[in-house]
C-alpha cells in the first residue's frame, strides 16, 4: 500500500496533501538554510514545488517498518532532470511531522532554487 502523501501527490490533490501533514510539521528544503515551520508554510512550499516540477513521478517507496518512509522520485525542471527523495517522519496519529527533501544533481538543485525562490519568499522564519 502506498503512503497517503504519495497517493495525494500522485492525484495532485492539495486537500489530500494537506490532510497528511501535522499542524506543527517542519519542512527541510534542499535549498533553504532554515526549515519551513508549520502546516501553512509547508503547504506553501509543496504547492510551489508542484508548479515547478514537471513530469514528476515517484519511482520507489521504502518503509522503515516504523514511522519513517523514503519516497524516491524523478522530475524535470526546465531542461534539467532531477532525482530526489522525500523522507517523511510521522507522528503517533500517522501525520507527517518532519519532511526532508534531498535532490541531485547540483545543476538540478540550482534550477529548483532559482524557480522556487520567488514562490516561497517569506515562508521560512528568519
PDB file of N, CA and C in Angstrom:
ATOM      1  N   UNK A   1       0.845  -1.175   0.000  1.00  0.00           N
ATOM      2  CA  UNK A   1       0.000   0.000   0.000  1.00  0.00           C
ATOM      3  C   UNK A   1       0.898   1.248   0.000  1.00  0.00           C
ATOM      4  N   UNK A   2       0.570   2.192  -0.819  1.00  0.00           N
ATOM      5  CA  UNK A   2       1.358   3.426  -0.940  1.00  0.00           C
ATOM      6  C   UNK A   2       1.101   4.347   0.248  1.00  0.00           C
ATOM      7  N   UNK A   3       2.109   5.128   0.578  1.00  0.00           N
ATOM      8  CA  UNK A   3       1.988   6.120   1.647  1.00  0.00           C
ATOM      9  C   UNK A   3       0.899   7.125   1.253  1.00  0.00           C
ATOM     10  N   UNK A   4       0.071   7.577   2.205  1.00  0.00           N
ATOM     11  CA  UNK A   4      -1.009   8.521   1.874  1.00  0.00           C
ATOM     12  C   UNK A   4      -0.507   9.819   1.223  1.00  0.00           C
ATOM     13  N   UNK A   5       0.675  10.309   1.630  1.00  0.00           N
ATOM     14  CA  UNK A   5       1.227  11.511   0.997  1.00  0.00           C
ATOM     15  C   UNK A   5       1.513  11.239  -0.476  1.00  0.00           C
ATOM     16  N   UNK A   6       2.112  10.100  -0.763  1.00  0.00           N
ATOM     17  CA  UNK A   6       2.408   9.735  -2.155  1.00  0.00           C
ATOM     18  C   UNK A   6       1.114   9.687  -2.967  1.00  0.00           C
ATOM     19  N   UNK A   7       0.099   9.045  -2.434  1.00  0.00           N
ATOM     20  CA  UNK A   7      -1.179   8.950  -3.148  1.00  0.00           C
ATOM     21  C   UNK A   7      -1.752  10.332  -3.434  1.00  0.00           C
ATOM     22  N   UNK A   8      -1.659  11.232  -2.454  1.00  0.00           N
ATOM     23  CA  UNK A   8      -2.195  12.586  -2.622  1.00  0.00           C
ATOM     24  C   UNK A   8      -1.420  13.358  -3.691  1.00  0.00           C
ATOM     25  N   UNK A   9      -0.107  13.248  -3.673  1.00  0.00           N
ATOM     26  CA  UNK A   9       0.721  13.939  -4.679  1.00  0.00           C
ATOM     27  C   UNK A   9       0.443  13.382  -6.063  1.00  0.00           C
ATOM     28  N   UNK A  10       0.399  12.061  -6.179  1.00  0.00           N
ATOM     29  CA  UNK A  10       0.145  11.450  -7.494  1.00  0.00           C
ATOM     30  C   UNK A  10      -1.225  11.834  -8.033  1.00  0.00           C
ATOM     31  N   UNK A  11      -2.189  12.067  -7.145  1.00  0.00           N
ATOM     32  CA  UNK A  11      -3.524  12.506  -7.561  1.00  0.00           C
ATOM     33  C   UNK A  11      -3.578  14.020  -7.775  1.00  0.00           C
ATOM     34  N   UNK A  12      -2.486  14.727  -7.415  1.00  0.00           N
ATOM     35  CA  UNK A  12      -2.409  16.187  -7.491  1.00  0.00           C
ATOM     36  C   UNK A  12      -3.562  16.820  -6.709  1.00  0.00           C
ATOM     37  N   UNK A  13      -3.831  16.239  -5.542  1.00  0.00           N
ATOM     38  CA  UNK A  13      -4.941  16.649  -4.684  1.00  0.00           C
ATOM     39  C   UNK A  13      -4.382  17.402  -3.473  1.00  0.00           C
ATOM     40  N   UNK A  14      -4.382  18.732  -3.543  1.00  0.00           N
ATOM     41  CA  UNK A  14      -3.803  19.547  -2.471  1.00  0.00           C
ATOM     42  C   UNK A  14      -4.542  19.390  -1.146  1.00  0.00           C
ATOM     43  N   UNK A  15      -5.850  19.169  -1.173  1.00  0.00           N
ATOM     44  CA  UNK A  15      -6.591  18.949   0.070  1.00  0.00           C
ATOM     45  C   UNK A  15      -6.128  17.659   0.738  1.00  0.00           C
ATOM     46  N   UNK A  16      -5.922  16.623  -0.065  1.00  0.00           N
ATOM     47  CA  UNK A  16      -5.446  15.348   0.480  1.00  0.00           C
ATOM     48  C   UNK A  16      -4.004  15.477   0.978  1.00  0.00           C
ATOM     49  N   UNK A  17      -3.163  16.247   0.266  1.00  0.00           N
ATOM     50  CA  UNK A  17      -1.797  16.505   0.734  1.00  0.00           C
ATOM     51  C   UNK A  17      -1.858  17.181   2.096  1.00  0.00           C
ATOM     52  N   UNK A  18      -2.668  18.203   2.207  1.00  0.00           N
ATOM     53  CA  UNK A  18      -2.823  18.953   3.448  1.00  0.00           C
ATOM     54  C   UNK A  18      -3.235  18.043   4.602  1.00  0.00           C
ATOM     55  N   UNK A  19      -4.110  17.102   4.333  1.00  0.00           N
ATOM     56  CA  UNK A  19      -4.616  16.199   5.366  1.00  0.00           C
ATOM     57  C   UNK A  19      -3.551  15.244   5.892  1.00  0.00           C
ATOM     58  N   UNK A  20      -2.435  15.081   5.191  1.00  0.00           N
ATOM     59  CA  UNK A  20      -1.364  14.182   5.652  1.00  0.00           C
ATOM     60  C   UNK A  20      -0.381  14.873   6.579  1.00  0.00           C
ATOM     61  N   UNK A  21      -0.484  16.204   6.729  1.00  0.00           N
ATOM     62  CA  UNK A  21       0.501  16.982   7.485  1.00  0.00           C
ATOM     63  C   UNK A  21       0.025  17.304   8.892  1.00  0.00           C
ATOM     64  N   UNK A  22       0.924  17.134   9.864  1.00  0.00           N
ATOM     65  CA  UNK A  22       0.643  17.536  11.244  1.00  0.00           C
ATOM     66  C   UNK A  22       0.645  19.060  11.323  1.00  0.00           C
ATOM     67  N   UNK A  23      -0.081  19.643  12.273  1.00  0.00           N
ATOM     68  CA  UNK A  23      -0.108  21.105  12.404  1.00  0.00           C
ATOM     69  C   UNK A  23       1.288  21.716  12.572  1.00  0.00           C
ATOM     70  N   UNK A  24       2.153  21.056  13.300  1.00  0.00           N
ATOM     71  CA  UNK A  24       3.493  21.590  13.552  1.00  0.00           C
ATOM     72  C   UNK A  24       4.568  21.005  12.660  1.00  0.00           C
ATOM     73  N   UNK A  25       4.195  20.516  11.486  1.00  0.00           N
ATOM     74  CA  UNK A  25       5.162  19.904  10.573  1.00  0.00           C
ATOM     75  C   UNK A  25       6.341  20.835  10.303  1.00  0.00           C
ATOM     76  N   UNK A  26       7.505  20.238  10.140  1.00  0.00           N
ATOM     77  CA  UNK A  26       8.702  21.003   9.800  1.00  0.00           C
ATOM     78  C   UNK A  26       9.221  20.469   8.467  1.00  0.00           C
ATOM     79  N   UNK A  27       9.418  21.388   7.507  1.00  0.00           N
ATOM     80  CA  UNK A  27       9.858  21.031   6.155  1.00  0.00           C
ATOM     81  C   UNK A  27      11.296  21.485   5.948  1.00  0.00           C
ATOM     82  N   UNK A  28      12.173  20.525   5.617  1.00  0.00           N
ATOM     83  CA  UNK A  28      13.585  20.808   5.363  1.00  0.00           C
ATOM     84  C   UNK A  28      13.821  20.767   3.851  1.00  0.00           C
ATOM     85  N   UNK A  29      14.128  21.921   3.301  1.00  0.00           N
ATOM     86  CA  UNK A  29      14.349  22.079   1.866  1.00  0.00           C
ATOM     87  C   UNK A  29      15.820  21.840   1.520  1.00  0.00           C
ATOM     88  N   UNK A  30      16.090  21.342   0.321  1.00  0.00           N
ATOM     89  CA  UNK A  30      17.488  21.172  -0.100  1.00  0.00           C
ATOM     90  C   UNK A  30      18.162  22.496  -0.464  1.00  0.00           C
ATOM     91  N   UNK A  31      17.397  23.569  -0.536  1.00  0.00           N
ATOM     92  CA  UNK A  31      17.970  24.852  -0.961  1.00  0.00           C
ATOM     93  C   UNK A  31      17.812  25.982   0.056  1.00  0.00           C
ATOM     94  N   UNK A  32      17.171  25.710   1.179  1.00  0.00           N
ATOM     95  CA  UNK A  32      16.978  26.747   2.195  1.00  0.00           C
ATOM     96  C   UNK A  32      17.773  26.393   3.448  1.00  0.00           C
ATOM     97  N   UNK A  33      18.400  27.399   4.038  1.00  0.00           N
ATOM     98  CA  UNK A  33      19.215  27.189   5.221  1.00  0.00           C
ATOM     99  C   UNK A  33      18.366  26.808   6.428  1.00  0.00           C
ATOM    100  N   UNK A  34      17.245  27.473   6.606  1.00  0.00           N
ATOM    101  CA  UNK A  34      16.352  27.211   7.740  1.00  0.00           C
ATOM    102  C   UNK A  34      15.132  26.413   7.277  1.00  0.00           C
ATOM    103  N   UNK A  35      14.592  25.607   8.179  1.00  0.00           N
ATOM    104  CA  UNK A  35      13.388  24.852   7.804  1.00  0.00           C
ATOM    105  C   UNK A  35      12.168  25.758   7.710  1.00  0.00           C
ATOM    106  N   UNK A  36      11.163  25.258   7.046  1.00  0.00           N
ATOM    107  CA  UNK A  36       9.855  25.900   6.998  1.00  0.00           C
ATOM    108  C   UNK A  36       9.032  25.249   8.104  1.00  0.00           C
ATOM    109  N   UNK A  37       8.517  26.063   9.020  1.00  0.00           N
ATOM    110  CA  UNK A  37       7.805  25.548  10.183  1.00  0.00           C
ATOM    111  C   UNK A  37       6.307  25.725  10.054  1.00  0.00           C
ATOM    112  N   UNK A  38       5.590  24.652  10.334  1.00  0.00           N
ATOM    113  CA  UNK A  38       4.142  24.703  10.400  1.00  0.00           C
ATOM    114  C   UNK A  38       3.440  24.267   9.130  1.00  0.00           C
ATOM    115  N   UNK A  39       2.175  23.972   9.308  1.00  0.00           N
ATOM    116  CA  UNK A  39       1.332  23.464   8.228  1.00  0.00           C
ATOM    117  C   UNK A  39       1.215  24.455   7.073  1.00  0.00           C
ATOM    118  N   UNK A  40       0.950  25.712   7.383  1.00  0.00           N
ATOM    119  CA  UNK A  40       0.732  26.714   6.334  1.00  0.00           C
ATOM    120  C   UNK A  40       1.984  26.920   5.475  1.00  0.00           C
ATOM    121  N   UNK A  41       3.136  27.063   6.118  1.00  0.00           N
ATOM    122  CA  UNK A  41       4.387  27.260   5.371  1.00  0.00           C
ATOM    123  C   UNK A  41       4.715  26.032   4.530  1.00  0.00           C
ATOM    124  N   UNK A  42       4.528  24.848   5.103  1.00  0.00           N
ATOM    125  CA  UNK A  42       4.820  23.615   4.367  1.00  0.00           C
ATOM    126  C   UNK A  42       3.898  23.469   3.164  1.00  0.00           C
ATOM    127  N   UNK A  43       2.627  23.780   3.327  1.00  0.00           N
ATOM    128  CA  UNK A  43       1.709  23.720   2.178  1.00  0.00           C
ATOM    129  C   UNK A  43       2.107  24.741   1.118  1.00  0.00           C
ATOM    130  N   UNK A  44       2.579  25.912   1.532  1.00  0.00           N
ATOM    131  CA  UNK A  44       3.065  26.900   0.577  1.00  0.00           C
ATOM    132  C   UNK A  44       4.220  26.370  -0.255  1.00  0.00           C
ATOM    133  N   UNK A  45       5.151  25.693   0.411  1.00  0.00           N
ATOM    134  CA  UNK A  45       6.302  25.119  -0.299  1.00  0.00           C
ATOM    135  C   UNK A  45       5.844  23.996  -1.226  1.00  0.00           C
ATOM    136  N   UNK A  46       5.013  23.102  -0.733  1.00  0.00           N
ATOM    137  CA  UNK A  46       4.571  21.972  -1.553  1.00  0.00           C
ATOM    138  C   UNK A  46       3.754  22.431  -2.760  1.00  0.00           C
ATOM    139  N   UNK A  47       2.932  23.443  -2.581  1.00  0.00           N
ATOM    140  CA  UNK A  47       2.165  23.992  -3.705  1.00  0.00           C
ATOM    141  C   UNK A  47       3.110  24.579  -4.750  1.00  0.00           C
ATOM    142  N   UNK A  48       4.131  25.285  -4.295  1.00  0.00           N
ATOM    143  CA  UNK A  48       5.121  25.854  -5.223  1.00  0.00           C
ATOM    144  C   UNK A  48       5.878  24.754  -5.948  1.00  0.00           C
ATOM    145  N   UNK A  49       6.275  23.733  -5.226  1.00  0.00           N
ATOM    146  CA  UNK A  49       7.016  22.623  -5.844  1.00  0.00           C
ATOM    147  C   UNK A  49       6.186  21.979  -6.942  1.00  0.00           C
ATOM    148  N   UNK A  50       4.898  21.794  -6.670  1.00  0.00           N
ATOM    149  CA  UNK A  50       4.041  21.161  -7.674  1.00  0.00           C
ATOM    150  C   UNK A  50       3.951  22.003  -8.946  1.00  0.00           C
ATOM    151  N   UNK A  51       4.150  23.315  -8.831  1.00  0.00           N
ATOM    152  CA  UNK A  51       4.109  24.161 -10.024  1.00  0.00           C
ATOM    153  C   UNK A  51       5.466  24.233 -10.731  1.00  0.00           C
ATOM    154  N   UNK A  52       6.534  23.838 -10.050  1.00  0.00           N
ATOM    155  CA  UNK A  52       7.887  23.918 -10.613  1.00  0.00           C
ATOM    156  C   UNK A  52       8.323  22.593 -11.237  1.00  0.00           C
ATOM    157  N   UNK A  53       8.022  21.493 -10.557  1.00  0.00           N
ATOM    158  CA  UNK A  53       8.427  20.179 -11.075  1.00  0.00           C
ATOM    159  C   UNK A  53       7.547  19.789 -12.255  1.00  0.00           C
ATOM    160  N   UNK A  54       8.179  19.315 -13.304  1.00  0.00           N
ATOM    161  CA  UNK A  54       7.471  18.803 -14.478  1.00  0.00           C
ATOM    162  C   UNK A  54       7.751  17.308 -14.586  1.00  0.00           C
ATOM    163  N   UNK A  55       6.834  16.569 -15.178  1.00  0.00           N
ATOM    164  CA  UNK A  55       6.988  15.121 -15.385  1.00  0.00           C
ATOM    165  C   UNK A  55       7.362  14.405 -14.088  1.00  0.00           C
ATOM    166  N   UNK A  56       6.786  14.850 -12.979  1.00  0.00           N
ATOM    167  CA  UNK A  56       7.085  14.274 -11.667  1.00  0.00           C
ATOM    168  C   UNK A  56       6.517  12.873 -11.561  1.00  0.00           C
ATOM    169  N   UNK A  57       7.333  11.939 -11.030  1.00  0.00           N
ATOM    170  CA  UNK A  57       6.815  10.609 -10.724  1.00  0.00           C
ATOM    171  C   UNK A  57       7.629   9.967  -9.615  1.00  0.00           C
ATOM    172  N   UNK A  58       6.908   9.320  -8.705  1.00  0.00           N
ATOM    173  CA  UNK A  58       7.576   8.504  -7.699  1.00  0.00           C
ATOM    174  C   UNK A  58       7.975   7.195  -8.360  1.00  0.00           C
ATOM    175  N   UNK A  59       9.184   6.740  -8.071  1.00  0.00           N
ATOM    176  CA  UNK A  59       9.686   5.504  -8.671  1.00  0.00           C
ATOM    177  C   UNK A  59       9.833   4.376  -7.667  1.00  0.00           C
ATOM    178  N   UNK A  60       9.874   4.732  -6.368  1.00  0.00           N
ATOM    179  CA  UNK A  60      10.051   3.703  -5.351  1.00  0.00           C
ATOM    180  C   UNK A  60       9.605   4.245  -3.996  1.00  0.00           C
ATOM    181  N   UNK A  61       9.344   3.329  -3.096  1.00  0.00           N
ATOM    182  CA  UNK A  61       8.935   3.702  -1.745  1.00  0.00           C
ATOM    183  C   UNK A  61       9.579   2.725  -0.775  1.00  0.00           C
ATOM    184  N   UNK A  62      10.287   3.268   0.201  1.00  0.00           N
ATOM    185  CA  UNK A  62      10.977   2.442   1.191  1.00  0.00           C
ATOM    186  C   UNK A  62      10.439   2.777   2.572  1.00  0.00           C
ATOM    187  N   UNK A  63       9.942   1.751   3.277  1.00  0.00           N
ATOM    188  CA  UNK A  63       9.388   1.959   4.617  1.00  0.00           C
ATOM    189  C   UNK A  63      10.321   1.352   5.642  1.00  0.00           C
ATOM    190  N   UNK A  64      10.448   2.016   6.782  1.00  0.00           N
ATOM    191  CA  UNK A  64      11.327   1.534   7.836  1.00  0.00           C
ATOM    192  C   UNK A  64      10.668   0.459   8.687  1.00  0.00           C
ATOM    193  N   UNK A  65       9.372   0.312   8.563  1.00  0.00           N
ATOM    194  CA  UNK A  65       8.651  -0.571   9.452  1.00  0.00           C
ATOM    195  C   UNK A  65       8.244   0.163  10.716  1.00  0.00           C
ATOM    196  N   UNK A  66       8.678   1.412  10.816  1.00  0.00           N
ATOM    197  CA  UNK A  66       8.329   2.252  11.956  1.00  0.00           C
ATOM    198  C   UNK A  66       7.575   3.467  11.485  1.00  0.00           C
ATOM    199  N   UNK A  67       8.133   4.640  11.781  1.00  0.00           N
ATOM    200  CA  UNK A  67       7.433   5.872  11.449  1.00  0.00           C
ATOM    201  C   UNK A  67       8.132   6.694  10.367  1.00  0.00           C
ATOM    202  N   UNK A  68       9.015   6.079   9.588  1.00  0.00           N
ATOM    203  CA  UNK A  68       9.687   6.817   8.509  1.00  0.00           C
ATOM    204  C   UNK A  68       9.494   6.113   7.167  1.00  0.00           C
ATOM    205  N   UNK A  69       9.382   6.950   6.130  1.00  0.00           N
ATOM    206  CA  UNK A  69       9.230   6.459   4.764  1.00  0.00           C
ATOM    207  C   UNK A  69      10.079   7.325   3.847  1.00  0.00           C
ATOM    208  N   UNK A  70      10.752   6.692   2.894  1.00  0.00           N
ATOM    209  CA  UNK A  70      11.501   7.402   1.857  1.00  0.00           C
ATOM    210  C   UNK A  70      10.776   7.188   0.535  1.00  0.00           C
ATOM    211  N   UNK A  71      10.386   8.293  -0.099  1.00  0.00           N
ATOM    212  CA  UNK A  71       9.700   8.260  -1.389  1.00  0.00           C
ATOM    213  C   UNK A  71      10.680   8.770  -2.436  1.00  0.00           C
ATOM    214  N   UNK A  72      11.109   7.893  -3.323  1.00  0.00           N
ATOM    215  CA  UNK A  72      12.104   8.250  -4.328  1.00  0.00           C
ATOM    216  C   UNK A  72      11.371   8.722  -5.576  1.00  0.00           C
ATOM    217  N   UNK A  73      11.862   9.829  -6.155  1.00  0.00           N
ATOM    218  CA  UNK A  73      11.177  10.397  -7.314  1.00  0.00           C
ATOM    219  C   UNK A  73      12.168  10.890  -8.369  1.00  0.00           C
ATOM    220  N   UNK A  74      11.597  11.174  -9.521  1.00  0.00           N
ATOM    221  CA  UNK A  74      12.330  11.874 -10.574  1.00  0.00           C
ATOM    222  C   UNK A  74      11.389  12.901 -11.158  1.00  0.00           C
ATOM    223  N   UNK A  75      11.991  13.960 -11.698  1.00  0.00           N
ATOM    224  CA  UNK A  75      11.212  15.042 -12.283  1.00  0.00           C
ATOM    225  C   UNK A  75      12.120  15.828 -13.208  1.00  0.00           C
ATOM    226  N   UNK A  76      11.560  16.887 -13.751  1.00  0.00           N
ATOM    227  CA  UNK A  76      12.312  17.786 -14.619  1.00  0.00           C
ATOM    228  C   UNK A  76      11.980  19.202 -14.200  1.00  0.00           C
ATOM    229  N   UNK A  77      12.989  20.067 -14.263  1.00  0.00           N
ATOM    230  CA  UNK A  77      12.809  21.498 -14.052  1.00  0.00           C
ATOM    231  C   UNK A  77      13.448  22.162 -15.260  1.00  0.00           C
ATOM    232  N   UNK A  78      12.608  22.663 -16.176  1.00  0.00           N
ATOM    233  CA  UNK A  78      13.145  23.175 -17.441  1.00  0.00           C
ATOM    234  C   UNK A  78      13.845  22.053 -18.176  1.00  0.00           C
ATOM    235  N   UNK A  79      15.107  22.269 -18.531  1.00  0.00           N
ATOM    236  CA  UNK A  79      15.852  21.233 -19.251  1.00  0.00           C
ATOM    237  C   UNK A  79      16.700  20.365 -18.327  1.00  0.00           C
ATOM    238  N   UNK A  80      16.521  20.499 -17.018  1.00  0.00           N
ATOM    239  CA  UNK A  80      17.304  19.751 -16.034  1.00  0.00           C
ATOM    240  C   UNK A  80      16.495  18.580 -15.476  1.00  0.00           C
ATOM    241  N   UNK A  81      17.058  17.383 -15.583  1.00  0.00           N
ATOM    242  CA  UNK A  81      16.460  16.210 -14.958  1.00  0.00           C
ATOM    243  C   UNK A  81      16.979  16.115 -13.532  1.00  0.00           C
ATOM    244  N   UNK A  82      16.079  15.785 -12.615  1.00  0.00           N
ATOM    245  CA  UNK A  82      16.492  15.646 -11.223  1.00  0.00           C
ATOM    246  C   UNK A  82      15.978  14.329 -10.658  1.00  0.00           C
ATOM    247  N   UNK A  83      16.673  13.895  -9.635  1.00  0.00           N
ATOM    248  CA  UNK A  83      16.243  12.756  -8.842  1.00  0.00           C
ATOM    249  C   UNK A  83      16.195  13.232  -7.406  1.00  0.00           C
ATOM    250  N   UNK A  84      15.298  12.641  -6.634  1.00  0.00           N
ATOM    251  CA  UNK A  84      15.209  13.084  -5.254  1.00  0.00           C
ATOM    252  C   UNK A  84      14.544  12.081  -4.351  1.00  0.00           C
ATOM    253  N   UNK A  85      14.580  12.429  -3.070  1.00  0.00           N
ATOM    254  CA  UNK A  85      13.947  11.629  -2.031  1.00  0.00           C
ATOM    255  C   UNK A  85      13.132  12.552  -1.139  1.00  0.00           C
ATOM    256  N   UNK A  86      11.892  12.185  -0.911  1.00  0.00           N
ATOM    257  CA  UNK A  86      11.069  12.794   0.123  1.00  0.00           C
ATOM    258  C   UNK A  86      11.154  11.851   1.313  1.00  0.00           C
ATOM    259  N   UNK A  87      11.815  12.300   2.381  1.00  0.00           N
ATOM    260  CA  UNK A  87      11.971  11.492   3.584  1.00  0.00           C
ATOM    261  C   UNK A  87      11.009  12.036   4.623  1.00  0.00           C
ATOM    262  N   UNK A  88      10.019  11.235   5.002  1.00  0.00           N
ATOM    263  CA  UNK A  88       8.989  11.702   5.915  1.00  0.00           C
ATOM    264  C   UNK A  88       8.962  10.885   7.207  1.00  0.00           C
ATOM    265  N   UNK A  89       8.753  11.616   8.296  1.00  0.00           N
ATOM    266  CA  UNK A  89       8.609  11.002   9.614  1.00  0.00           C
ATOM    267  C   UNK A  89       7.217  11.360  10.129  1.00  0.00           C
ATOM    268  N   UNK A  90       6.475  10.334  10.545  1.00  0.00           N
ATOM    269  CA  UNK A  90       5.108  10.564  11.001  1.00  0.00           C
ATOM    270  C   UNK A  90       5.012  10.477  12.527  1.00  0.00           C
ATOM    271  N   UNK A  91       3.970  11.116  13.055  1.00  0.00           N
ATOM    272  CA  UNK A  91       3.719  11.063  14.499  1.00  0.00           C
ATOM    273  C   UNK A  91       2.815   9.878  14.814  1.00  0.00           C
ATOM    274  N   UNK A  92       2.395   9.779  16.067  1.00  0.00           N
ATOM    275  CA  UNK A  92       1.561   8.648  16.508  1.00  0.00           C
ATOM    276  C   UNK A  92       0.191   8.638  15.829  1.00  0.00           C
ATOM    277  N   UNK A  93      -0.235   9.775  15.273  1.00  0.00           N
ATOM    278  CA  UNK A  93      -1.505   9.840  14.546  1.00  0.00           C
ATOM    279  C   UNK A  93      -1.352   9.540  13.056  1.00  0.00           C
ATOM    280  N   UNK A  94      -0.113   9.251  12.629  1.00  0.00           N
ATOM    281  CA  UNK A  94       0.138   8.955  11.222  1.00  0.00           C
ATOM    282  C   UNK A  94       0.299  10.190  10.353  1.00  0.00           C
ATOM    283  N   UNK A  95       0.369  11.374  10.975  1.00  0.00           N
ATOM    284  CA  UNK A  95       0.539  12.619  10.221  1.00  0.00           C
ATOM    285  C   UNK A  95       2.027  12.953  10.119  1.00  0.00           C
ATOM    286  N   UNK A  96       2.411  13.562   9.014  1.00  0.00           N
ATOM    287  CA  UNK A  96       3.814  13.898   8.786  1.00  0.00           C
ATOM    288  C   UNK A  96       4.209  15.046   9.712  1.00  0.00           C
ATOM    289  N   UNK A  97       5.225  14.797  10.563  1.00  0.00           N
ATOM    290  CA  UNK A  97       5.713  15.826  11.475  1.00  0.00           C
ATOM    291  C   UNK A  97       7.066  16.375  11.033  1.00  0.00           C
ATOM    292  N   UNK A  98       7.772  15.623  10.204  1.00  0.00           N
ATOM    293  CA  UNK A  98       9.056  16.095   9.683  1.00  0.00           C
ATOM    294  C   UNK A  98       9.187  15.625   8.238  1.00  0.00           C
ATOM    295  N   UNK A  99       9.573  16.550   7.368  1.00  0.00           N
ATOM    296  CA  UNK A  99       9.625  16.296   5.926  1.00  0.00           C
ATOM    297  C   UNK A  99      10.950  16.844   5.412  1.00  0.00           C
ATOM    298  N   UNK A 100      11.781  15.977   4.870  1.00  0.00           N
ATOM    299  CA  UNK A 100      13.081  16.384   4.349  1.00  0.00           C
ATOM    300  C   UNK A 100      13.166  15.992   2.879  1.00  0.00           C
ATOM    301  N   UNK A 101      13.582  16.929   2.031  1.00  0.00           N
ATOM    302  CA  UNK A 101      13.759  16.656   0.612  1.00  0.00           C
ATOM    303  C   UNK A 101      15.239  16.709   0.278  1.00  0.00           C
ATOM    304  N   UNK A 102      15.706  15.698  -0.433  1.00  0.00           N
ATOM    305  CA  UNK A 102      17.083  15.655  -0.930  1.00  0.00           C
ATOM    306  C   UNK A 102      17.027  15.540  -2.447  1.00  0.00           C
ATOM    307  N   UNK A 103      17.901  16.285  -3.141  1.00  0.00           N
ATOM    308  CA  UNK A 103      17.913  16.314  -4.609  1.00  0.00           C
ATOM    309  C   UNK A 103      19.313  16.086  -5.146  1.00  0.00           C
ATOM    310  N   UNK A 104      19.378  15.669  -6.378  1.00  0.00           N
ATOM    311  CA  UNK A 104      20.615  15.600  -7.146  1.00  0.00           C
ATOM    312  C   UNK A 104      20.272  15.793  -8.612  1.00  0.00           C
ATOM    313  N   UNK A 105      21.122  16.166  -9.481  1.00  0.00           N
ATOM    314  CA  UNK A 105      22.478  16.679  -9.286  1.00  0.00           C
ATOM    315  C   UNK A 105      22.455  18.172  -8.922  1.00  0.00           C
ATOM    316  N   UNK A 106      23.640  18.718  -8.722  1.00  0.00           N
ATOM    317  CA  UNK A 106      23.749  20.128  -8.329  1.00  0.00           C
ATOM    318  C   UNK A 106      23.091  21.046  -9.349  1.00  0.00           C
ATOM    319  N   UNK A 107      23.238  20.770 -10.625  1.00  0.00           N
ATOM    320  CA  UNK A 107      22.618  21.638 -11.641  1.00  0.00           C
ATOM    321  C   UNK A 107      21.096  21.636 -11.510  1.00  0.00           C
ATOM    322  N   UNK A 108      20.524  20.507 -11.118  1.00  0.00           N
ATOM    323  CA  UNK A 108      19.084  20.432 -10.887  1.00  0.00           C
ATOM    324  C   UNK A 108      18.678  21.190  -9.642  1.00  0.00           C
ATOM    325  N   UNK A 109      19.489  21.091  -8.592  1.00  0.00           N
ATOM    326  CA  UNK A 109      19.212  21.826  -7.351  1.00  0.00           C
ATOM    327  C   UNK A 109      19.219  23.321  -7.635  1.00  0.00           C
ATOM    328  N   UNK A 110      20.188  23.767  -8.425  1.00  0.00           N
ATOM    329  CA  UNK A 110      20.279  25.192  -8.756  1.00  0.00           C
ATOM    330  C   UNK A 110      19.052  25.647  -9.544  1.00  0.00           C
ATOM    331  N   UNK A 111      18.578  24.812 -10.465  1.00  0.00           N
ATOM    332  CA  UNK A 111      17.382  25.158 -11.233  1.00  0.00           C
ATOM    333  C   UNK A 111      16.153  25.235 -10.324  1.00  0.00           C
ATOM    334  N   UNK A 112      16.051  24.302  -9.384  1.00  0.00           N
ATOM    335  CA  UNK A 112      14.939  24.325  -8.438  1.00  0.00           C
ATOM    336  C   UNK A 112      15.007  25.593  -7.585  1.00  0.00           C
ATOM    337  N   UNK A 113      16.190  25.892  -7.066  1.00  0.00           N
ATOM    338  CA  UNK A 113      16.358  27.075  -6.209  1.00  0.00           C
ATOM    339  C   UNK A 113      15.963  28.351  -6.948  1.00  0.00           C
ATOM    340  N   UNK A 114      16.376  28.466  -8.190  1.00  0.00           N
ATOM    341  CA  UNK A 114      16.075  29.662  -8.982  1.00  0.00           C
ATOM    342  C   UNK A 114      14.579  29.840  -9.187  1.00  0.00           C
ATOM    343  N   UNK A 115      13.883  28.753  -9.460  1.00  0.00           N
ATOM    344  CA  UNK A 115      12.444  28.843  -9.720  1.00  0.00           C
ATOM    345  C   UNK A 115      11.610  28.934  -8.446  1.00  0.00           C
ATOM    346  N   UNK A 116      12.114  28.332  -7.375  1.00  0.00           N
ATOM    347  CA  UNK A 116      11.347  28.298  -6.128  1.00  0.00           C
ATOM    348  C   UNK A 116      11.478  29.585  -5.318  1.00  0.00           C
ATOM    349  N   UNK A 117      12.628  30.234  -5.375  1.00  0.00           N
ATOM    350  CA  UNK A 117      12.899  31.390  -4.504  1.00  0.00           C
ATOM    351  C   UNK A 117      11.775  32.420  -4.498  1.00  0.00           C
ATOM    352  N   UNK A 118      11.320  32.902  -5.654  1.00  0.00           N
ATOM    353  CA  UNK A 118      10.269  33.924  -5.602  1.00  0.00           C
ATOM    354  C   UNK A 118       8.919  33.375  -5.113  1.00  0.00           C
ATOM    355  N   UNK A 119       8.712  32.068  -5.212  1.00  0.00           N
ATOM    356  CA  UNK A 119       7.433  31.483  -4.813  1.00  0.00           C
ATOM    357  C   UNK A 119       7.326  31.248  -3.305  1.00  0.00           C
ATOM    358  N   UNK A 120       8.481  31.090  -2.637  1.00  0.00           N
ATOM    359  CA  UNK A 120       8.449  30.750  -1.206  1.00  0.00           C
ATOM    360  C   UNK A 120       9.046  31.834  -0.331  1.00  0.00           C
ATOM    361  N   UNK A 121       9.387  32.944  -0.938  1.00  0.00           N
ATOM    362  CA  UNK A 121       9.974  34.058  -0.178  1.00  0.00           C
ATOM    363  C   UNK A 121       9.040  34.437   0.974  1.00  0.00           C
ATOM    364  N   UNK A 122       9.601  34.512   2.153  1.00  0.00           N
ATOM    365  CA  UNK A 122       8.824  34.904   3.318  1.00  0.00           C
ATOM    366  C   UNK A 122       8.145  33.776   4.056  1.00  0.00           C
ATOM    367  N   UNK A 123       8.210  32.540   3.542  1.00  0.00           N
ATOM    368  CA  UNK A 123       7.570  31.412   4.237  1.00  0.00           C
ATOM    369  C   UNK A 123       8.428  30.863   5.367  1.00  0.00           C
ATOM    370  N   UNK A 124       9.767  30.965   5.234  1.00  0.00           N
ATOM    371  CA  UNK A 124      10.658  30.441   6.278  1.00  0.00           C
ATOM    372  C   UNK A 124      10.887  31.525   7.312  1.00  0.00           C
ATOM    373  N   UNK A 125      11.099  31.097   8.545  1.00  0.00           N
ATOM    374  CA  UNK A 125      11.399  32.044   9.607  1.00  0.00           C
ATOM    375  C   UNK A 125      12.802  32.582   9.419  1.00  0.00           C
ATOM    376  N   UNK A 126      12.998  33.870   9.694  1.00  0.00           N
ATOM    377  CA  UNK A 126      14.318  34.485   9.554  1.00  0.00           C
ATOM    378  C   UNK A 126      15.268  34.016  10.612  1.00  0.00           C
TER     379      UNK A 126
END
